[in-house]
Structure formats: structure tokens, C-alpha cells
Amino acid sequence: MSGTTSDKEFYKIFGIVSLIIVLLAIVIAILSNVFASAVTNDYYDRAQEKATSERIAPSDKINLASNPTFKTEVIEIASSKSGKDVYNSVCMSCHMSGAAGAPITGESDQWSTRLAKGNTTLYSNAINGIGVMPAKGGLMSLSEDEVKLAVDYMIDQSK
């Protein structure tokens, strides 16, 4: 009989200890919830919202010229600076391959919708930049007239 009494005592102690552990876990969970809801961090919420909005921003606002992974070079253009010279020095790298969606020079179907908007719009886009194309093709030392000459050259080649 002494074996059964000790088993009863063991189960009684085990049950009490288990109950205390469960109640302690519940109390800790309630207290952590109370303290966590009392503490608010507005700075963290604003930083998280800002980071999220930057990640989901439209891709048409990306400027490749500002990307530090691209090598920046100063390109010297001959003193004649015809539209063909400017095109060959600055514009050809993208408008020959169609990089980043640039219309390929000589492909009239790619230029038709752009030509429909008029030369003033084409000049403005080339001077100020559009989409991933940087202003003046990335060579800020070009004058607006030189950029217009290059645009005219590309238009003539694409008709």
C-alpha cells in the first residue's frame, strides 16, 4: 500500500507543479501583451512606411546616371559638333541597341508614336531626360542646340 500512497503523492505534486507552470506562462503572456501595447514607436512605423513606399515606387523614376555602379566618364566631342557627331559620341550606345527601351535609330515603327507627339516634345525629353534616360543623354556639357541636332539626326535616320 505504501507504493500507491507515494504514487498519489507524486501525481498530486506533479499536477500542482504543472498547474503553477501553466498559470505562470499565462500571466507572463498577459503582462507582455499589456506592456507591448503600452509602448508605441512612431519613428519605427514611419521608417517602415517610408521604406515600403520606396520599394514599391514606379520604376520610371529610376535614373541610371545616378547609379553608382555605372562608370561616369567625361566625353569630349569634336569642335564641329554636328548632330551625327553628338549621336556617335553620346546617343549611339543606347539608341543602337535599344537599351532600357530606347527607340533604335533607323527603326521607323519605334519612332512613329514619338514623332506623332512633335519635335518639341522629343527635344524636351532629350534635354530633360525621360524614364531611365538621363538628361542630355548623361553628358551635361552638351548645349541644348547640340542635343536638338542629335535628335534631328536620329529622326532623319528613322524616317
Protein backbone atom coordinates (compact mmCIF):
# COMPACT_ATOMS: atom_id res chain seq x y z
CA MET A 1 0.00 0.00 0.00
CA SER A 2 2.82 2.31 0.65
CA GLY A 3 3.61 2.24 -3.13
CA THR A 4 0.14 3.54 -4.03
CA THR A 5 0.32 6.33 -1.49
CA SER A 6 3.61 7.54 -2.86
CA ASP A 7 2.19 7.42 -6.41
CA LYS A 8 -0.78 9.51 -5.32
CA GLU A 9 1.52 11.99 -3.68
CA PHE A 10 3.71 12.11 -6.81
CA TYR A 11 0.73 12.76 -9.09
CA LYS A 12 -0.58 15.38 -6.69
CA ILE A 13 2.78 17.23 -6.60
CA PHE A 14 3.24 16.80 -10.36
CA GLY A 15 -0.23 18.21 -11.03
CA ILE A 16 0.33 21.19 -8.72
CA VAL A 17 3.73 21.98 -10.29
CA SER A 18 2.27 21.64 -13.83
CA LEU A 19 -0.63 23.93 -12.92
CA ILE A 20 1.76 26.52 -11.46
CA ILE A 21 3.88 26.44 -14.65
CA VAL A 22 0.83 26.85 -16.91
CA LEU A 23 -0.56 29.70 -14.78
CA LEU A 24 2.86 31.39 -14.74
CA ALA A 25 3.07 31.15 -18.55
CA ILE A 26 -0.42 32.68 -18.87
CA VAL A 27 0.47 35.54 -16.50
CA ILE A 28 3.70 36.24 -18.41
CA ALA A 29 1.82 36.27 -21.75
CA ILE A 30 -0.79 38.69 -20.40
CA LEU A 31 1.82 41.01 -18.88
CA SER A 32 3.95 41.06 -22.06
CA ASN A 33 0.87 41.88 -24.12
CA VAL A 34 -0.07 44.72 -21.77
CA PHE A 35 3.42 46.22 -21.78
CA ALA A 36 3.87 45.77 -25.55
CA SER A 37 0.62 47.59 -26.32
CA ALA A 38 1.55 50.42 -23.96
CA VAL A 39 4.79 51.09 -25.83
CA THR A 40 4.36 52.66 -29.28
CA ASN A 41 7.20 53.61 -31.55
CA ASP A 42 6.02 56.15 -34.12
CA TYR A 43 9.52 56.54 -35.53
CA TYR A 44 9.68 52.83 -36.39
CA ASP A 45 6.25 52.93 -38.04
CA ARG A 46 7.18 55.98 -40.15
CA ALA A 47 10.51 54.44 -41.18
CA GLN A 48 8.78 51.22 -42.15
CA GLU A 49 6.17 53.07 -44.23
CA LYS A 50 8.88 55.13 -45.96
CA ALA A 51 10.94 52.04 -46.80
CA THR A 52 7.88 50.27 -48.16
CA SER A 53 6.88 53.21 -50.36
CA GLU A 54 10.44 53.43 -51.74
CA ARG A 55 10.43 49.73 -52.59
CA ILE A 56 7.12 49.90 -54.44
CA ALA A 57 7.81 53.19 -56.23
CA PRO A 58 7.29 53.09 -60.01
CA SER A 59 10.38 52.09 -61.95
CA ASP A 60 10.08 55.03 -64.34
CA LYS A 61 11.68 57.22 -61.67
CA ILE A 62 14.99 55.35 -61.83
CA ASN A 63 17.85 57.35 -63.30
CA LEU A 64 20.75 55.19 -64.47
CA ALA A 65 23.09 58.17 -64.46
CA SER A 66 22.76 58.42 -60.69
CA ASN A 67 23.53 54.73 -60.14
CA PRO A 68 26.99 54.49 -58.54
CA THR A 69 27.66 51.13 -60.19
CA PHE A 70 27.87 52.79 -63.59
CA LYS A 71 31.18 54.32 -64.53
CA THR A 72 30.94 58.04 -65.19
CA GLU A 73 33.15 59.35 -67.95
CA VAL A 74 33.67 62.76 -69.46
CA ILE A 75 33.33 62.53 -73.21
CA GLU A 76 34.99 65.15 -75.37
CA ILE A 77 33.22 65.96 -78.60
CA ALA A 78 34.97 67.37 -81.64
CA SER A 79 34.62 71.09 -82.24
CA SER A 80 32.34 70.58 -85.27
CA LYS A 81 29.59 69.06 -83.07
CA SER A 82 27.20 68.05 -85.81
CA GLY A 83 24.14 66.01 -84.94
CA LYS A 84 25.88 62.90 -86.21
CA ASP A 85 28.95 63.60 -84.03
CA VAL A 86 26.84 64.06 -80.90
CA TYR A 87 24.84 60.92 -81.75
CA ASN A 88 28.01 58.85 -82.29
CA SER A 89 29.60 60.13 -79.06
CA VAL A 90 26.67 60.06 -76.66
CA CYS A 91 23.41 58.67 -78.02
CA MET A 92 24.51 55.67 -80.06
CA SER A 93 25.24 53.38 -77.10
CA CYS A 94 21.55 53.13 -76.21
CA HIS A 95 19.80 54.05 -79.46
CA MET A 96 21.79 51.49 -81.46
CA SER A 97 20.98 48.56 -79.16
CA GLY A 98 17.61 49.63 -77.74
CA ALA A 99 18.99 49.54 -74.19
CA ALA A 100 16.41 50.33 -71.47
CA GLY A 101 13.67 50.67 -74.09
CA ALA A 102 15.37 53.37 -76.16
CA PRO A 103 13.98 53.53 -79.71
CA ILE A 104 16.51 52.14 -82.16
CA THR A 105 17.74 54.64 -84.71
CA GLY A 106 16.55 53.64 -88.16
CA GLU A 107 13.53 51.66 -86.93
CA SER A 108 10.65 53.84 -88.14
CA ASP A 109 7.99 51.78 -86.33
CA GLN A 110 9.64 52.51 -82.97
CA TRP A 111 9.78 56.25 -83.71
CA SER A 112 6.27 56.73 -85.16
CA THR A 113 4.48 57.25 -81.83
CA ARG A 114 7.23 59.57 -80.64
CA LEU A 115 7.21 61.57 -83.87
CA ALA A 116 3.43 61.97 -83.55
CA LYS A 117 3.99 63.95 -80.34
CA GLY A 118 6.05 66.51 -82.23
CA ASN A 119 9.66 67.63 -82.27
CA THR A 120 9.18 69.97 -79.29
CA THR A 121 8.30 67.01 -77.07
CA LEU A 122 11.23 64.99 -78.43
CA TYR A 123 13.62 67.87 -77.77
CA SER A 124 12.25 68.36 -74.25
CA ASN A 125 12.56 64.65 -73.42
CA ALA A 126 16.12 64.51 -74.73
CA ILE A 127 17.18 67.67 -72.87
CA ASN A 128 15.44 66.93 -69.56
CA GLY A 129 15.51 63.12 -69.62
CA ILE A 130 12.63 60.68 -69.63
CA GLY A 131 12.21 57.29 -67.95
CA VAL A 132 15.67 55.82 -67.46
CA MET A 133 17.28 58.17 -70.00
CA PRO A 134 19.24 60.85 -68.15
CA ALA A 135 19.08 64.50 -69.17
CA LYS A 136 21.17 65.23 -72.28
CA GLY A 137 21.98 61.52 -72.54
CA GLY A 138 24.11 61.81 -69.43
CA LEU A 139 26.55 64.37 -70.87
CA MET A 140 25.56 67.60 -69.16
CA SER A 141 28.21 69.62 -71.01
CA LEU A 142 26.11 69.40 -74.20
CA SER A 143 24.21 72.52 -75.13
CA GLU A 144 20.50 72.33 -75.87
CA ASP A 145 21.21 73.06 -79.54
CA GLU A 146 23.64 70.15 -79.73
CA VAL A 147 21.03 67.82 -78.22
CA LYS A 148 18.46 69.08 -80.74
CA LEU A 149 20.92 68.41 -83.59
CA ALA A 150 21.35 64.82 -82.36
CA VAL A 151 17.57 64.35 -82.12
CA ASP A 152 17.16 65.72 -85.64
CA TYR A 153 19.83 63.30 -86.87
CA MET A 154 18.04 60.33 -85.27
CA ILE A 155 14.70 61.46 -86.74
CA ASP A 156 16.23 61.77 -90.22
CA GLN A 157 17.74 58.29 -89.94
CA SER A 158 14.43 56.83 -88.77
CA LYS A 159 12.03 58.16 -91.42
